[in-house]
Amino acid sequence: MSDVLGHEIVERRDRDVLGDVPPGLRVMFDHYDRHGLLGNPLTLRAILGREPRSLRAYLEELAQGDPARSGEQG
């Protein structure tokens, strides 16, 4: 994100920002904090039915404000 936006992005994990979330989501977020969020490109490719974009490509599209490519509606 820092490279794409041209300024440093610092990770911040403030549990209070989540507010009132269902207990199941809190457990999920706690798990991600402890173990990270792992993914499998083969599974994603099967779900999408195409080659997935890289995270960098997605962030570049968001930074350029292309709603059709970024998944936003409008």
N, C-alpha and C. Protein backbone atom coordinates (compact mmCIF):
# COMPACT_ATOMS: atom_id res chain seq x y z
N MET A 1 0.82 -1.18 0.00
CA MET A 1 0.00 0.00 0.00
C MET A 1 0.87 1.25 0.00
N SER A 2 1.95 1.20 0.77
CA SER A 2 2.83 2.36 0.83
C SER A 2 3.39 2.70 -0.54
N ASP A 3 3.83 1.68 -1.29
CA ASP A 3 4.39 1.90 -2.62
C ASP A 3 3.36 2.50 -3.56
N VAL A 4 2.15 1.98 -3.53
CA VAL A 4 1.10 2.43 -4.45
C VAL A 4 0.67 3.85 -4.14
N LEU A 5 0.51 4.17 -2.85
CA LEU A 5 0.01 5.49 -2.46
C LEU A 5 1.09 6.55 -2.34
N GLY A 6 2.34 6.11 -2.25
CA GLY A 6 3.44 7.07 -2.17
C GLY A 6 3.70 7.62 -0.79
N HIS A 7 3.12 7.01 0.24
CA HIS A 7 3.44 7.39 1.61
C HIS A 7 3.31 6.17 2.51
N GLU A 8 3.95 6.22 3.66
CA GLU A 8 3.99 5.05 4.53
C GLU A 8 2.61 4.74 5.12
N ILE A 9 2.26 3.48 5.05
CA ILE A 9 1.04 2.97 5.68
C ILE A 9 1.49 2.10 6.84
N VAL A 10 0.98 2.40 8.02
CA VAL A 10 1.36 1.65 9.22
C VAL A 10 0.17 0.82 9.67
N GLU A 11 0.43 -0.44 9.95
CA GLU A 11 -0.63 -1.32 10.42
C GLU A 11 -1.06 -0.90 11.82
N ARG A 12 -2.36 -0.90 12.03
CA ARG A 12 -2.89 -0.54 13.35
C ARG A 12 -3.97 -1.55 13.72
N ARG A 13 -3.79 -2.18 14.84
CA ARG A 13 -4.78 -3.15 15.32
C ARG A 13 -5.36 -2.66 16.63
N ASP A 14 -6.39 -1.90 16.54
CA ASP A 14 -7.06 -1.38 17.72
C ASP A 14 -8.39 -2.12 17.86
N ARG A 15 -8.45 -3.02 18.82
CA ARG A 15 -9.64 -3.85 18.99
C ARG A 15 -10.90 -3.02 19.22
N ASP A 16 -10.76 -1.85 19.83
CA ASP A 16 -11.92 -1.01 20.11
C ASP A 16 -12.55 -0.45 18.84
N VAL A 17 -11.79 -0.39 17.76
CA VAL A 17 -12.32 0.13 16.50
C VAL A 17 -13.41 -0.79 15.96
N LEU A 18 -13.34 -2.06 16.30
CA LEU A 18 -14.34 -3.00 15.81
C LEU A 18 -15.73 -2.71 16.35
N GLY A 19 -15.78 -2.11 17.52
CA GLY A 19 -17.08 -1.80 18.12
C GLY A 19 -17.81 -3.06 18.52
N ASP A 20 -19.11 -3.05 18.34
CA ASP A 20 -19.96 -4.15 18.75
C ASP A 20 -20.13 -5.11 17.58
N VAL A 21 -19.29 -6.13 17.53
CA VAL A 21 -19.39 -7.13 16.46
C VAL A 21 -19.83 -8.45 17.07
N PRO A 22 -20.46 -9.29 16.27
CA PRO A 22 -20.87 -10.61 16.77
C PRO A 22 -19.66 -11.38 17.31
N PRO A 23 -19.88 -12.18 18.35
CA PRO A 23 -18.76 -12.92 18.96
C PRO A 23 -17.98 -13.77 17.98
N GLY A 24 -18.67 -14.35 17.00
CA GLY A 24 -17.99 -15.18 16.00
C GLY A 24 -16.97 -14.39 15.19
N LEU A 25 -17.31 -13.16 14.85
CA LEU A 25 -16.37 -12.32 14.11
C LEU A 25 -15.19 -11.94 14.98
N ARG A 26 -15.45 -11.66 16.24
CA ARG A 26 -14.36 -11.32 17.17
C ARG A 26 -13.37 -12.49 17.25
N VAL A 27 -13.89 -13.72 17.34
CA VAL A 27 -13.03 -14.91 17.38
C VAL A 27 -12.22 -15.02 16.10
N MET A 28 -12.86 -14.75 14.96
CA MET A 28 -12.16 -14.82 13.68
C MET A 28 -11.03 -13.79 13.63
N PHE A 29 -11.32 -12.55 14.03
CA PHE A 29 -10.30 -11.50 14.01
C PHE A 29 -9.16 -11.84 14.96
N ASP A 30 -9.47 -12.39 16.12
CA ASP A 30 -8.43 -12.81 17.07
C ASP A 30 -7.55 -13.88 16.45
N HIS A 31 -8.17 -14.82 15.75
CA HIS A 31 -7.40 -15.88 15.09
C HIS A 31 -6.47 -15.28 14.04
N TYR A 32 -6.97 -14.36 13.22
CA TYR A 32 -6.13 -13.72 12.20
C TYR A 32 -4.97 -12.97 12.85
N ASP A 33 -5.23 -12.30 13.98
CA ASP A 33 -4.17 -11.57 14.68
C ASP A 33 -3.06 -12.52 15.14
N ARG A 34 -3.45 -13.68 15.60
CA ARG A 34 -2.45 -14.65 16.10
C ARG A 34 -1.74 -15.39 14.99
N HIS A 35 -2.47 -15.76 13.92
CA HIS A 35 -1.92 -16.66 12.92
C HIS A 35 -1.77 -16.05 11.53
N GLY A 36 -2.29 -14.86 11.32
CA GLY A 36 -2.26 -14.25 9.99
C GLY A 36 -3.43 -14.75 9.15
N LEU A 37 -3.57 -14.19 8.00
CA LEU A 37 -4.63 -14.57 7.07
C LEU A 37 -3.97 -15.21 5.86
N LEU A 38 -4.07 -16.51 5.80
CA LEU A 38 -3.43 -17.26 4.73
C LEU A 38 -4.42 -17.50 3.61
N GLY A 39 -3.91 -17.60 2.42
CA GLY A 39 -4.77 -17.85 1.27
C GLY A 39 -4.14 -18.87 0.35
N ASN A 40 -4.92 -19.33 -0.58
CA ASN A 40 -4.46 -20.31 -1.54
C ASN A 40 -4.86 -19.83 -2.93
N PRO A 41 -3.88 -19.47 -3.77
CA PRO A 41 -4.24 -18.94 -5.09
C PRO A 41 -4.99 -19.95 -5.96
N LEU A 42 -4.74 -21.24 -5.76
CA LEU A 42 -5.46 -22.25 -6.53
C LEU A 42 -6.95 -22.22 -6.20
N THR A 43 -7.26 -22.11 -4.91
CA THR A 43 -8.66 -22.04 -4.48
C THR A 43 -9.31 -20.77 -5.02
N LEU A 44 -8.63 -19.66 -4.91
CA LEU A 44 -9.18 -18.40 -5.41
C LEU A 44 -9.41 -18.48 -6.92
N ARG A 45 -8.48 -19.05 -7.64
CA ARG A 45 -8.61 -19.20 -9.09
C ARG A 45 -9.85 -20.03 -9.42
N ALA A 46 -10.08 -21.10 -8.66
CA ALA A 46 -11.25 -21.96 -8.90
C ALA A 46 -12.54 -21.21 -8.60
N ILE A 47 -12.56 -20.43 -7.53
CA ILE A 47 -13.76 -19.67 -7.18
C ILE A 47 -14.08 -18.62 -8.23
N LEU A 48 -13.05 -17.90 -8.68
CA LEU A 48 -13.26 -16.82 -9.64
C LEU A 48 -13.48 -17.31 -11.06
N GLY A 49 -12.92 -18.46 -11.38
CA GLY A 49 -13.00 -18.96 -12.75
C GLY A 49 -12.06 -18.20 -13.68
N ARG A 50 -11.07 -17.55 -13.10
CA ARG A 50 -10.07 -16.79 -13.87
C ARG A 50 -8.84 -16.60 -12.99
N GLU A 51 -7.80 -16.09 -13.59
CA GLU A 51 -6.59 -15.77 -12.83
C GLU A 51 -6.87 -14.56 -11.93
N PRO A 52 -6.61 -14.67 -10.64
CA PRO A 52 -6.86 -13.52 -9.76
C PRO A 52 -5.85 -12.40 -9.99
N ARG A 53 -6.29 -11.17 -9.74
CA ARG A 53 -5.37 -10.04 -9.77
C ARG A 53 -4.46 -10.12 -8.56
N SER A 54 -3.32 -9.50 -8.66
CA SER A 54 -2.44 -9.39 -7.49
C SER A 54 -3.02 -8.33 -6.56
N LEU A 55 -2.63 -8.39 -5.31
CA LEU A 55 -3.05 -7.37 -4.37
C LEU A 55 -2.58 -6.00 -4.83
N ARG A 56 -1.36 -5.95 -5.34
CA ARG A 56 -0.83 -4.67 -5.83
C ARG A 56 -1.70 -4.11 -6.96
N ALA A 57 -2.09 -4.96 -7.91
CA ALA A 57 -2.93 -4.50 -9.02
C ALA A 57 -4.27 -3.99 -8.51
N TYR A 58 -4.84 -4.67 -7.55
CA TYR A 58 -6.11 -4.25 -6.97
C TYR A 58 -5.95 -2.89 -6.27
N LEU A 59 -4.89 -2.74 -5.50
CA LEU A 59 -4.67 -1.47 -4.80
C LEU A 59 -4.42 -0.33 -5.78
N GLU A 60 -3.70 -0.61 -6.87
CA GLU A 60 -3.47 0.42 -7.89
C GLU A 60 -4.79 0.86 -8.52
N GLU A 61 -5.69 -0.10 -8.77
CA GLU A 61 -6.99 0.24 -9.33
C GLU A 61 -7.80 1.08 -8.34
N LEU A 62 -7.75 0.72 -7.06
CA LEU A 62 -8.45 1.52 -6.05
C LEU A 62 -7.89 2.93 -5.98
N ALA A 63 -6.56 3.05 -6.02
CA ALA A 63 -5.92 4.36 -5.92
C ALA A 63 -6.26 5.24 -7.13
N GLN A 64 -6.50 4.61 -8.28
CA GLN A 64 -6.85 5.37 -9.48
C GLN A 64 -8.33 5.72 -9.52
N GLY A 65 -9.11 5.11 -8.61
CA GLY A 65 -10.54 5.43 -8.54
C GLY A 65 -11.35 4.82 -9.66
N ASP A 66 -11.03 3.58 -10.06
CA ASP A 66 -11.76 2.90 -11.11
C ASP A 66 -12.82 1.99 -10.47
N PRO A 67 -14.07 2.50 -10.25
CA PRO A 67 -15.08 1.72 -9.54
C PRO A 67 -15.48 0.44 -10.26
N ALA A 68 -15.39 0.41 -11.58
CA ALA A 68 -15.79 -0.80 -12.31
C ALA A 68 -14.85 -1.96 -12.02
N ARG A 69 -13.57 -1.66 -11.83
CA ARG A 69 -12.58 -2.70 -11.58
C ARG A 69 -12.38 -2.99 -10.11
N SER A 70 -12.68 -2.07 -9.23
CA SER A 70 -12.40 -2.24 -7.82
C SER A 70 -13.53 -2.91 -7.06
N GLY A 71 -14.65 -3.18 -7.74
CA GLY A 71 -15.76 -3.84 -7.08
C GLY A 71 -16.78 -2.89 -6.50
N GLU A 72 -16.52 -1.58 -6.59
CA GLU A 72 -17.47 -0.60 -6.08
C GLU A 72 -18.60 -0.43 -7.06
N GLN A 73 -19.71 -0.03 -6.56
CA GLN A 73 -20.85 0.24 -7.45
C GLN A 73 -21.00 1.74 -7.64
N GLY A 74 -21.46 2.11 -8.78
CA GLY A 74 -21.69 3.53 -8.99
C GLY A 74 -21.50 3.94 -10.41
